[in-house]
N, C-alpha and C. Protein backbone atom coordinates (compact mmCIF):
# COMPACT_ATOMS: atom_id res chain seq x y z
N UNK A 1 0.83 -1.16 0.00
CA UNK A 1 0.00 0.00 0.00
C UNK A 1 0.88 1.24 0.00
N UNK A 2 0.50 2.19 -0.76
CA UNK A 2 1.32 3.39 -0.81
C UNK A 2 0.95 4.33 0.31
N UNK A 3 1.80 5.30 0.53
CA UNK A 3 1.58 6.27 1.59
C UNK A 3 0.44 7.20 1.23
N UNK A 4 0.19 7.42 -0.03
CA UNK A 4 -0.85 8.33 -0.46
C UNK A 4 -2.24 7.75 -0.28
N UNK A 5 -2.38 6.48 -0.32
CA UNK A 5 -3.68 5.86 -0.13
C UNK A 5 -3.89 5.59 1.36
N UNK A 6 -5.08 5.92 1.83
CA UNK A 6 -5.42 5.65 3.21
C UNK A 6 -6.40 4.50 3.27
N UNK A 7 -6.31 3.80 4.32
CA UNK A 7 -7.20 2.67 4.52
C UNK A 7 -8.56 3.20 4.98
N UNK A 8 -9.69 2.88 4.31
CA UNK A 8 -11.00 3.37 4.71
C UNK A 8 -11.40 2.91 6.09
N UNK A 9 -10.92 1.79 6.52
CA UNK A 9 -11.25 1.33 7.87
C UNK A 9 -10.58 2.17 8.94
N UNK A 10 -9.43 2.74 8.64
CA UNK A 10 -8.76 3.59 9.62
C UNK A 10 -9.49 4.92 9.76
N UNK A 11 -10.10 5.38 8.67
CA UNK A 11 -10.89 6.61 8.73
C UNK A 11 -12.13 6.44 9.61
N UNK A 12 -12.79 5.32 9.50
CA UNK A 12 -13.95 5.00 10.33
C UNK A 12 -13.51 4.83 11.78
N UNK A 13 -12.37 4.23 11.97
CA UNK A 13 -11.86 4.04 13.34
C UNK A 13 -11.52 5.38 13.97
N UNK A 14 -10.98 6.31 13.16
CA UNK A 14 -10.68 7.65 13.69
C UNK A 14 -11.97 8.37 14.10
N UNK A 15 -13.01 8.27 13.29
CA UNK A 15 -14.31 8.90 13.58
C UNK A 15 -14.93 8.29 14.83
N UNK A 16 -14.82 6.97 14.97
CA UNK A 16 -15.41 6.29 16.13
C UNK A 16 -14.65 6.57 17.41
N UNK A 17 -13.40 6.92 17.29
CA UNK A 17 -12.61 7.18 18.50
C UNK A 17 -12.83 8.59 19.06
N UNK A 18 -13.54 9.46 18.34
CA UNK A 18 -13.84 10.81 18.83
C UNK A 18 -14.85 10.73 19.96
N UNK A 19 -14.80 11.69 20.93
CA UNK A 19 -15.82 11.71 21.99
C UNK A 19 -17.20 12.03 21.40
N UNK A 20 -18.26 11.73 22.13
CA UNK A 20 -19.63 11.86 21.63
C UNK A 20 -19.98 13.28 21.21
N UNK A 21 -19.43 14.25 21.91
CA UNK A 21 -19.78 15.63 21.61
C UNK A 21 -19.07 16.16 20.36
N UNK A 22 -18.18 15.38 19.79
CA UNK A 22 -17.51 15.79 18.57
C UNK A 22 -17.99 14.98 17.36
N UNK A 23 -19.00 14.16 17.59
CA UNK A 23 -19.55 13.35 16.52
C UNK A 23 -20.56 14.16 15.71
N UNK A 24 -20.50 14.06 14.40
CA UNK A 24 -21.41 14.79 13.53
C UNK A 24 -22.86 14.35 13.75
N UNK A 25 -23.13 13.07 13.81
CA UNK A 25 -24.51 12.58 13.87
C UNK A 25 -25.20 12.96 15.18
N UNK A 26 -24.45 13.04 16.24
CA UNK A 26 -25.06 13.47 17.51
C UNK A 26 -25.66 14.88 17.35
N UNK A 27 -24.88 15.81 16.83
CA UNK A 27 -25.37 17.19 16.67
C UNK A 27 -26.44 17.29 15.59
N UNK A 28 -26.34 16.48 14.58
CA UNK A 28 -27.34 16.48 13.52
C UNK A 28 -28.71 16.06 14.05
N UNK A 29 -28.74 15.08 14.95
CA UNK A 29 -30.00 14.57 15.48
C UNK A 29 -30.51 15.43 16.64
N UNK A 30 -29.63 15.82 17.53
CA UNK A 30 -30.07 16.46 18.77
C UNK A 30 -30.17 17.99 18.72
N UNK A 31 -29.57 18.65 17.77
CA UNK A 31 -29.64 20.12 17.68
C UNK A 31 -31.07 20.65 17.59
N UNK A 32 -31.92 20.10 16.72
CA UNK A 32 -33.30 20.60 16.68
C UNK A 32 -34.05 20.35 18.00
N UNK A 33 -33.79 19.22 18.62
CA UNK A 33 -34.47 18.92 19.89
C UNK A 33 -34.02 19.89 20.99
N UNK A 34 -32.75 20.16 21.06
CA UNK A 34 -32.22 21.10 22.07
C UNK A 34 -32.80 22.49 21.83
N UNK A 35 -32.87 22.90 20.57
CA UNK A 35 -33.44 24.20 20.23
C UNK A 35 -34.91 24.30 20.67
N UNK A 36 -35.68 23.25 20.43
CA UNK A 36 -37.10 23.25 20.80
C UNK A 36 -37.26 23.33 22.31
N UNK A 37 -36.46 22.61 23.07
CA UNK A 37 -36.55 22.65 24.53
C UNK A 37 -36.23 24.06 25.04
N UNK A 38 -35.22 24.68 24.50
CA UNK A 38 -34.86 26.05 24.92
C UNK A 38 -35.98 27.03 24.59
N UNK A 39 -36.53 26.95 23.38
CA UNK A 39 -37.59 27.88 22.99
C UNK A 39 -38.87 27.66 23.80
N UNK A 40 -39.19 26.42 24.13
CA UNK A 40 -40.36 26.15 24.99
C UNK A 40 -40.15 26.74 26.38
N UNK A 41 -38.96 26.61 26.91
CA UNK A 41 -38.65 27.19 28.22
C UNK A 41 -38.80 28.70 28.20
N UNK A 42 -38.30 29.34 27.18
CA UNK A 42 -38.42 30.80 27.05
C UNK A 42 -39.89 31.20 26.95
N UNK A 43 -40.66 30.48 26.15
CA UNK A 43 -42.09 30.79 25.96
C UNK A 43 -42.88 30.64 27.25
N UNK A 44 -42.63 29.57 27.99
CA UNK A 44 -43.33 29.35 29.26
C UNK A 44 -42.95 30.43 30.27
N UNK A 45 -41.69 30.81 30.32
CA UNK A 45 -41.25 31.87 31.24
C UNK A 45 -41.94 33.18 30.91
N UNK A 46 -42.00 33.54 29.65
CA UNK A 46 -42.68 34.78 29.25
C UNK A 46 -44.16 34.72 29.60
N UNK A 47 -44.79 33.60 29.37
CA UNK A 47 -46.23 33.46 29.66
C UNK A 47 -46.50 33.58 31.15
N UNK A 48 -45.67 33.00 31.98
CA UNK A 48 -45.90 33.05 33.43
C UNK A 48 -45.60 34.42 34.02
N UNK A 49 -44.56 35.07 33.55
CA UNK A 49 -44.20 36.39 34.08
C UNK A 49 -45.11 37.48 33.55
N UNK A 50 -45.68 37.31 32.38
CA UNK A 50 -46.51 38.34 31.78
C UNK A 50 -47.99 38.07 31.87
N UNK A 51 -48.41 37.20 32.77
CA UNK A 51 -49.84 36.85 32.88
C UNK A 51 -50.65 38.03 33.39
N UNK A 52 -51.86 38.18 32.89
CA UNK A 52 -52.75 39.26 33.32
C UNK A 52 -53.42 38.90 34.63
N UNK A 53 -53.70 39.93 35.44
CA UNK A 53 -54.38 39.76 36.72
C UNK A 53 -55.85 40.08 36.56
N UNK A 54 -56.56 39.32 35.75
CA UNK A 54 -57.95 39.65 35.48
C UNK A 54 -58.94 38.62 36.02
N UNK A 55 -58.46 37.53 36.55
CA UNK A 55 -59.35 36.49 37.06
C UNK A 55 -59.59 36.72 38.55
N UNK A 56 -60.85 36.67 38.96
CA UNK A 56 -61.22 36.85 40.35
C UNK A 56 -61.45 35.47 40.96
N UNK A 57 -60.82 35.21 42.11
CA UNK A 57 -60.92 33.89 42.73
C UNK A 57 -62.24 33.69 43.46
N UNK A 58 -62.72 34.71 44.15
CA UNK A 58 -63.90 34.54 44.99
C UNK A 58 -65.06 35.34 44.41
N UNK A 59 -65.85 34.72 43.56
CA UNK A 59 -66.93 35.42 42.87
C UNK A 59 -68.04 35.86 43.83
N UNK A 60 -68.36 35.04 44.81
CA UNK A 60 -69.43 35.37 45.75
C UNK A 60 -69.06 36.63 46.55
N UNK A 61 -67.84 36.67 47.04
CA UNK A 61 -67.39 37.83 47.82
C UNK A 61 -67.40 39.09 46.94
N UNK A 62 -66.94 38.98 45.72
CA UNK A 62 -66.93 40.13 44.81
C UNK A 62 -68.36 40.59 44.51
N UNK A 63 -69.29 39.67 44.36
CA UNK A 63 -70.69 40.03 44.11
C UNK A 63 -71.29 40.79 45.28
N UNK A 64 -70.98 40.36 46.50
CA UNK A 64 -71.46 41.09 47.68
C UNK A 64 -70.85 42.48 47.75
N UNK A 65 -69.57 42.60 47.37
CA UNK A 65 -68.92 43.92 47.39
C UNK A 65 -69.54 44.84 46.33
N UNK A 66 -69.97 44.28 45.20
CA UNK A 66 -70.61 45.11 44.18
C UNK A 66 -71.92 45.67 44.71
N UNK A 67 -72.70 44.85 45.40
CA UNK A 67 -73.94 45.34 46.00
C UNK A 67 -73.67 46.43 47.03
N UNK A 68 -72.62 46.24 47.83
CA UNK A 68 -72.24 47.25 48.83
C UNK A 68 -71.84 48.54 48.11
N UNK A 69 -71.09 48.42 47.03
CA UNK A 69 -70.65 49.60 46.29
C UNK A 69 -71.83 50.34 45.67
N UNK A 70 -72.85 49.62 45.22
CA UNK A 70 -74.03 50.27 44.66
C UNK A 70 -74.74 51.11 45.73
N UNK A 71 -74.81 50.60 46.95
CA UNK A 71 -75.42 51.36 48.04
C UNK A 71 -74.61 52.62 48.33
N UNK A 72 -73.29 52.49 48.30
CA UNK A 72 -72.42 53.66 48.53
C UNK A 72 -72.58 54.68 47.40
N UNK A 73 -72.72 54.21 46.19
CA UNK A 73 -72.93 55.12 45.05
C UNK A 73 -74.28 55.83 45.15
N UNK A 74 -75.30 55.11 45.55
CA UNK A 74 -76.63 55.73 45.72
C UNK A 74 -76.59 56.80 46.79
N UNK A 75 -75.83 56.55 47.84
CA UNK A 75 -75.71 57.55 48.93
C UNK A 75 -74.99 58.80 48.41
N UNK A 76 -73.94 58.62 47.63
CA UNK A 76 -73.21 59.76 47.06
C UNK A 76 -74.10 60.54 46.12
N UNK A 77 -74.93 59.84 45.35
CA UNK A 77 -75.85 60.51 44.45
C UNK A 77 -76.89 61.30 45.24
N UNK A 78 -77.40 60.72 46.33
CA UNK A 78 -78.39 61.41 47.16
C UNK A 78 -77.79 62.66 47.81
N UNK A 79 -76.50 62.61 48.13
CA UNK A 79 -75.83 63.78 48.71
C UNK A 79 -75.43 64.81 47.64
N UNK A 80 -75.53 64.43 46.38
CA UNK A 80 -75.16 65.34 45.29
C UNK A 80 -73.66 65.53 45.16
N UNK A 81 -72.88 64.51 45.51
CA UNK A 81 -71.42 64.62 45.49
C UNK A 81 -70.85 64.34 44.10
N UNK A 82 -69.82 65.08 43.77
CA UNK A 82 -68.98 64.83 42.60
C UNK A 82 -67.65 65.51 42.88
N UNK A 83 -66.64 65.08 42.18
CA UNK A 83 -65.32 65.65 42.44
C UNK A 83 -64.53 65.90 41.17
N UNK A 84 -63.81 67.01 41.16
CA UNK A 84 -62.89 67.31 40.06
C UNK A 84 -61.49 66.92 40.52
N UNK A 85 -60.91 65.95 39.85
CA UNK A 85 -59.61 65.41 40.22
C UNK A 85 -58.60 65.80 39.16
N UNK A 86 -57.46 66.33 39.61
CA UNK A 86 -56.40 66.70 38.66
C UNK A 86 -55.06 66.18 39.17
N UNK A 87 -54.23 65.81 38.22
CA UNK A 87 -52.92 65.25 38.49
C UNK A 87 -51.86 66.15 37.89
N UNK A 88 -50.78 66.37 38.60
CA UNK A 88 -49.59 67.01 38.06
C UNK A 88 -48.50 65.95 38.07
N UNK A 89 -48.28 65.32 36.92
CA UNK A 89 -47.36 64.18 36.89
C UNK A 89 -45.91 64.59 37.06
N UNK A 90 -45.57 65.83 36.79
CA UNK A 90 -44.17 66.25 36.97
C UNK A 90 -43.84 66.43 38.45
N UNK A 91 -44.75 67.02 39.22
CA UNK A 91 -44.49 67.22 40.64
C UNK A 91 -45.06 66.08 41.49
N UNK A 92 -45.96 65.28 40.92
CA UNK A 92 -46.57 64.18 41.66
C UNK A 92 -47.75 64.60 42.52
N UNK A 93 -48.25 65.81 42.33
CA UNK A 93 -49.34 66.32 43.17
C UNK A 93 -50.70 65.91 42.61
N UNK A 94 -51.60 65.53 43.52
CA UNK A 94 -52.97 65.17 43.18
C UNK A 94 -53.88 66.15 43.90
N UNK A 95 -54.78 66.80 43.17
CA UNK A 95 -55.71 67.78 43.76
C UNK A 95 -57.14 67.33 43.52
N UNK A 96 -57.97 67.49 44.53
CA UNK A 96 -59.37 67.10 44.44
C UNK A 96 -60.23 68.22 45.00
N UNK A 97 -61.26 68.58 44.25
CA UNK A 97 -62.27 69.53 44.72
C UNK A 97 -63.61 68.82 44.66
N UNK A 98 -64.28 68.73 45.82
CA UNK A 98 -65.57 68.05 45.89
C UNK A 98 -66.68 69.10 45.85
N UNK A 99 -67.56 68.94 44.87
CA UNK A 99 -68.71 69.85 44.75
C UNK A 99 -69.77 69.43 45.76
N UNK A 100 -70.45 70.39 46.32
CA UNK A 100 -71.52 70.15 47.30
C UNK A 100 -71.04 69.35 48.50
N UNK A 101 -69.82 69.64 48.97
CA UNK A 101 -69.27 68.91 50.11
C UNK A 101 -70.05 69.25 51.38
N UNK A 102 -70.64 68.25 52.05
CA UNK A 102 -71.38 68.51 53.28
C UNK A 102 -70.42 68.89 54.41
N UNK A 103 -70.91 69.65 55.36
CA UNK A 103 -70.08 70.09 56.48
C UNK A 103 -69.90 68.99 57.53
N UNK A 104 -70.67 67.93 57.46
CA UNK A 104 -70.61 66.83 58.41
C UNK A 104 -69.25 66.13 58.31
N UNK A 105 -68.51 66.06 59.43
CA UNK A 105 -67.17 65.48 59.42
C UNK A 105 -67.19 63.96 59.23
N UNK A 106 -68.31 63.31 59.50
CA UNK A 106 -68.38 61.87 59.24
C UNK A 106 -68.50 61.59 57.75
N UNK A 107 -69.12 62.50 57.01
CA UNK A 107 -69.25 62.33 55.56
C UNK A 107 -68.04 62.89 54.81
N UNK A 108 -67.41 63.92 55.36
CA UNK A 108 -66.24 64.54 54.74
C UNK A 108 -65.11 64.59 55.77
N UNK A 109 -64.40 63.48 55.96
CA UNK A 109 -63.33 63.46 56.96
C UNK A 109 -62.11 64.26 56.50
N UNK A 110 -61.13 64.35 57.38
CA UNK A 110 -59.89 65.09 57.07
C UNK A 110 -59.05 64.38 56.01
N UNK A 111 -59.22 63.07 55.89
CA UNK A 111 -58.46 62.31 54.90
C UNK A 111 -59.40 61.46 54.05
N UNK A 112 -59.12 61.44 52.76
CA UNK A 112 -59.84 60.58 51.82
C UNK A 112 -58.82 59.63 51.20
N UNK A 113 -59.30 58.51 50.70
CA UNK A 113 -58.42 57.53 50.08
C UNK A 113 -58.80 57.39 48.61
N UNK A 114 -57.84 57.65 47.74
CA UNK A 114 -58.04 57.48 46.30
C UNK A 114 -57.33 56.20 45.87
N UNK A 115 -58.12 55.29 45.32
CA UNK A 115 -57.55 54.04 44.81
C UNK A 115 -57.45 54.14 43.30
N UNK A 116 -56.22 54.04 42.80
CA UNK A 116 -55.97 54.05 41.36
C UNK A 116 -55.72 52.61 40.95
N UNK A 117 -56.67 52.03 40.20
CA UNK A 117 -56.56 50.64 39.78
C UNK A 117 -56.07 50.55 38.35
N UNK A 118 -54.98 49.83 38.17
CA UNK A 118 -54.47 49.59 36.83
C UNK A 118 -55.37 48.56 36.15
N UNK A 119 -55.74 48.75 34.89
CA UNK A 119 -56.70 47.83 34.26
C UNK A 119 -56.16 46.42 34.03
N UNK A 120 -54.84 46.23 34.04
CA UNK A 120 -54.29 44.91 33.74
C UNK A 120 -53.42 44.36 34.87
N UNK A 121 -52.56 45.18 35.44
CA UNK A 121 -51.58 44.72 36.44
C UNK A 121 -51.94 45.21 37.83
N UNK A 122 -52.38 44.30 38.70
CA UNK A 122 -52.74 44.66 40.07
C UNK A 122 -51.52 45.16 40.84
N UNK A 123 -50.33 44.74 40.47
CA UNK A 123 -49.12 45.17 41.17
C UNK A 123 -48.86 46.67 40.96
N UNK A 124 -49.45 47.27 39.95
CA UNK A 124 -49.24 48.70 39.68
C UNK A 124 -50.28 49.59 40.36
N UNK A 125 -51.27 49.00 41.04
CA UNK A 125 -52.29 49.80 41.73
C UNK A 125 -51.65 50.75 42.74
N UNK A 126 -52.27 51.91 42.92
CA UNK A 126 -51.77 52.90 43.86
C UNK A 126 -52.87 53.32 44.82
N UNK A 127 -52.51 53.51 46.07
CA UNK A 127 -53.41 54.08 47.07
C UNK A 127 -52.83 55.43 47.47
N UNK A 128 -53.64 56.48 47.30
CA UNK A 128 -53.18 57.84 47.59
C UNK A 128 -54.06 58.43 48.69
N UNK A 129 -53.42 58.89 49.75
CA UNK A 129 -54.14 59.55 50.84
C UNK A 129 -54.24 61.03 50.50
N UNK A 130 -55.47 61.53 50.45
CA UNK A 130 -55.72 62.94 50.17
C UNK A 130 -56.08 63.62 51.49
N UNK A 131 -55.38 64.69 51.81
CA UNK A 131 -55.55 65.41 53.07
C UNK A 131 -56.28 66.72 52.80
N UNK A 132 -57.24 67.07 53.68
CA UNK A 132 -58.01 68.31 53.52
C UNK A 132 -57.11 69.52 53.70
N UNK A 133 -57.21 70.47 52.77
CA UNK A 133 -56.48 71.73 52.89
C UNK A 133 -57.45 72.90 53.04
N UNK A 134 -58.71 72.66 52.72
CA UNK A 134 -59.79 73.64 52.87
C UNK A 134 -61.09 72.84 52.77
N UNK A 135 -62.23 73.43 53.14
CA UNK A 135 -63.48 72.68 53.01
C UNK A 135 -63.74 72.25 51.56
N UNK A 136 -63.83 70.95 51.35
CA UNK A 136 -64.09 70.41 50.02
C UNK A 136 -62.87 70.33 49.12
N UNK A 137 -61.68 70.69 49.61
CA UNK A 137 -60.46 70.66 48.80
C UNK A 137 -59.43 69.75 49.48
N UNK A 138 -58.86 68.87 48.67
CA UNK A 138 -57.92 67.87 49.19
C UNK A 138 -56.69 67.82 48.30
N UNK A 139 -55.58 67.39 48.90
CA UNK A 139 -54.33 67.29 48.16
C UNK A 139 -53.58 66.05 48.62
N UNK A 140 -52.87 65.39 47.68
CA UNK A 140 -52.06 64.21 47.98
C UNK A 140 -50.90 64.09 47.02
N UNK A 141 -50.14 63.00 47.17
CA UNK A 141 -48.95 62.77 46.35
C UNK A 141 -49.04 61.41 45.65
N UNK A 142 -48.66 61.38 44.38
CA UNK A 142 -48.61 60.13 43.63
C UNK A 142 -47.49 59.23 44.17
N UNK A 143 -47.72 57.93 44.15
CA UNK A 143 -46.69 56.98 44.55
C UNK A 143 -45.67 56.83 43.42
N UNK A 144 -46.15 56.70 42.20
CA UNK A 144 -45.30 56.63 41.01
C UNK A 144 -46.06 57.28 39.86
N UNK A 145 -45.32 57.67 38.84
CA UNK A 145 -45.96 58.37 37.72
C UNK A 145 -46.83 57.41 36.92
N UNK A 146 -48.12 57.71 36.79
CA UNK A 146 -49.01 56.82 36.03
C UNK A 146 -48.98 57.15 34.54
N UNK A 147 -49.20 56.13 33.75
CA UNK A 147 -49.31 56.28 32.29
C UNK A 147 -50.55 55.53 31.83
N UNK A 148 -51.04 55.88 30.68
CA UNK A 148 -52.17 55.20 30.04
C UNK A 148 -53.45 55.31 30.85
N UNK A 149 -54.28 54.28 30.87
CA UNK A 149 -55.61 54.35 31.48
C UNK A 149 -55.60 53.78 32.90
N UNK A 150 -56.47 54.37 33.78
CA UNK A 150 -56.59 53.92 35.17
C UNK A 150 -58.05 54.04 35.58
N UNK A 151 -58.46 53.15 36.50
CA UNK A 151 -59.77 53.24 37.14
C UNK A 151 -59.57 53.90 38.50
N UNK A 152 -60.45 54.83 38.83
CA UNK A 152 -60.31 55.61 40.07
C UNK A 152 -61.53 55.40 40.96
N UNK A 153 -61.29 55.23 42.25
CA UNK A 153 -62.36 55.14 43.24
C UNK A 153 -61.94 55.94 44.46
N UNK A 154 -62.83 56.80 44.91
CA UNK A 154 -62.56 57.66 46.07
C UNK A 154 -63.41 57.19 47.24
N UNK A 155 -62.76 56.96 48.38
CA UNK A 155 -63.44 56.52 49.60
C UNK A 155 -63.22 57.54 50.70
N UNK A 156 -64.24 57.83 51.53
CA UNK A 156 -64.05 58.74 52.66
C UNK A 156 -63.54 58.00 53.91
N UNK A 157 -62.49 57.22 53.72
CA UNK A 157 -61.83 56.50 54.82
C UNK A 157 -60.33 56.68 54.64
N UNK A 158 -59.56 56.35 55.66
CA UNK A 158 -58.11 56.49 55.54
C UNK A 158 -57.39 55.14 55.48
N UNK A 159 -58.14 54.04 55.44
CA UNK A 159 -57.56 52.70 55.35
C UNK A 159 -58.39 51.88 54.36
N UNK A 160 -57.70 51.21 53.44
CA UNK A 160 -58.39 50.45 52.40
C UNK A 160 -59.23 49.32 52.99
N UNK A 161 -58.85 48.81 54.15
CA UNK A 161 -59.62 47.73 54.79
C UNK A 161 -61.00 48.21 55.25
N UNK A 162 -61.17 49.52 55.41
CA UNK A 162 -62.44 50.09 55.87
C UNK A 162 -63.35 50.52 54.72
N UNK A 163 -62.98 50.21 53.49
CA UNK A 163 -63.76 50.71 52.34
C UNK A 163 -65.18 50.19 52.32
N UNK A 164 -65.43 49.02 52.89
CA UNK A 164 -66.80 48.48 52.93
C UNK A 164 -67.70 49.31 53.84
N UNK A 165 -67.11 49.93 54.86
CA UNK A 165 -67.89 50.73 55.80
C UNK A 165 -68.01 52.20 55.38
N UNK A 166 -67.42 52.56 54.26
CA UNK A 166 -67.46 53.95 53.79
C UNK A 166 -68.90 54.37 53.50
N UNK A 167 -69.30 55.58 53.90
CA UNK A 167 -70.68 56.01 53.67
C UNK A 167 -70.98 56.27 52.19
N UNK A 168 -70.00 56.61 51.39
CA UNK A 168 -70.21 56.89 49.98
C UNK A 168 -68.93 56.61 49.20
N UNK A 169 -69.03 56.50 47.88
CA UNK A 169 -67.87 56.39 47.00
C UNK A 169 -68.13 57.18 45.72
N UNK A 170 -67.05 57.64 45.14
CA UNK A 170 -67.10 58.28 43.82
C UNK A 170 -66.13 57.52 42.92
N UNK A 171 -66.48 57.39 41.66
CA UNK A 171 -65.66 56.62 40.72
C UNK A 171 -65.43 57.40 39.45
N UNK A 172 -64.43 56.96 38.72
CA UNK A 172 -64.12 57.57 37.43
C UNK A 172 -63.01 56.82 36.73
N UNK A 173 -62.67 57.30 35.57
CA UNK A 173 -61.58 56.74 34.77
C UNK A 173 -60.77 57.90 34.22
N UNK A 174 -59.50 57.63 33.96
CA UNK A 174 -58.65 58.65 33.35
C UNK A 174 -57.68 57.97 32.38
N UNK A 175 -57.42 58.66 31.29
CA UNK A 175 -56.43 58.21 30.32
C UNK A 175 -55.37 59.30 30.25
N UNK A 176 -54.19 59.02 30.80
CA UNK A 176 -53.15 60.03 30.90
C UNK A 176 -52.52 60.38 29.56
N UNK A 177 -52.83 59.64 28.50
CA UNK A 177 -52.33 60.01 27.18
C UNK A 177 -53.03 61.26 26.65
N UNK A 178 -54.27 61.51 27.14
CA UNK A 178 -55.02 62.64 26.60
C UNK A 178 -55.32 63.73 27.63
N UNK A 179 -55.30 63.43 28.93
CA UNK A 179 -55.66 64.45 29.92
C UNK A 179 -55.04 64.13 31.27
N UNK A 180 -55.01 65.13 32.13
CA UNK A 180 -54.56 64.95 33.51
C UNK A 180 -55.66 65.35 34.49
N UNK A 181 -56.89 65.52 33.98
CA UNK A 181 -58.03 65.89 34.82
C UNK A 181 -59.20 64.96 34.50
N UNK A 182 -60.02 64.71 35.52
CA UNK A 182 -61.20 63.88 35.31
C UNK A 182 -62.25 64.21 36.36
N UNK A 183 -63.45 63.75 36.11
CA UNK A 183 -64.57 63.95 37.02
C UNK A 183 -64.84 62.64 37.74
N UNK A 184 -64.98 62.70 39.06
CA UNK A 184 -65.39 61.55 39.85
C UNK A 184 -66.85 61.74 40.19
N UNK A 185 -67.65 60.69 39.99
CA UNK A 185 -69.09 60.78 40.22
C UNK A 185 -69.59 59.42 40.69
N UNK A 186 -70.81 59.36 41.23
CA UNK A 186 -71.39 58.06 41.56
C UNK A 186 -71.64 57.26 40.29
N UNK A 187 -71.51 55.94 40.36
CA UNK A 187 -71.74 55.07 39.20
C UNK A 187 -73.20 54.83 38.94
N UNK A 188 -74.06 55.20 39.86
CA UNK A 188 -75.49 54.98 39.71
C UNK A 188 -76.02 55.93 38.64
N UNK A 189 -76.86 55.40 37.77
CA UNK A 189 -77.41 56.23 36.68
C UNK A 189 -78.79 56.65 37.01
């Protein structure tokens, strides 16, 4: 045999003596499978981290709270309450003027609670304490700068746990892309 000719069996033996991770067929077969496993992991991670907070666990409790809220709205309507709410996003100041504010301190306490509900992410919700600066005028500070749309509910209590006992509520919505002012009113029509 000449030096220029190689034995085909020695070539196969050289290929077989390589470790598994250097074999062509291993990568040819397993590369697509490895890619699919990685992409599935990425997809599941994105789905779990980006899930919406729109499902309510306790429907009965939420239904009872809706009935309670309707009574609070009817009371606000009977009192003739409404509020002009304005936000200054650069300074973080929130101003509220309540029309027809009664002089009764149980109906108009020194502090009101404004709940800003994010429509998709419950973790972005904000609770803002508004402090009286004059009769029917309140001021507070934003927790963080809001963007896009928010649901607003005003309670005449200073703790969110007491919202069920609140004598009245005012509600509204705001879209910060178009305005920094909104009207809060009872939801009852």
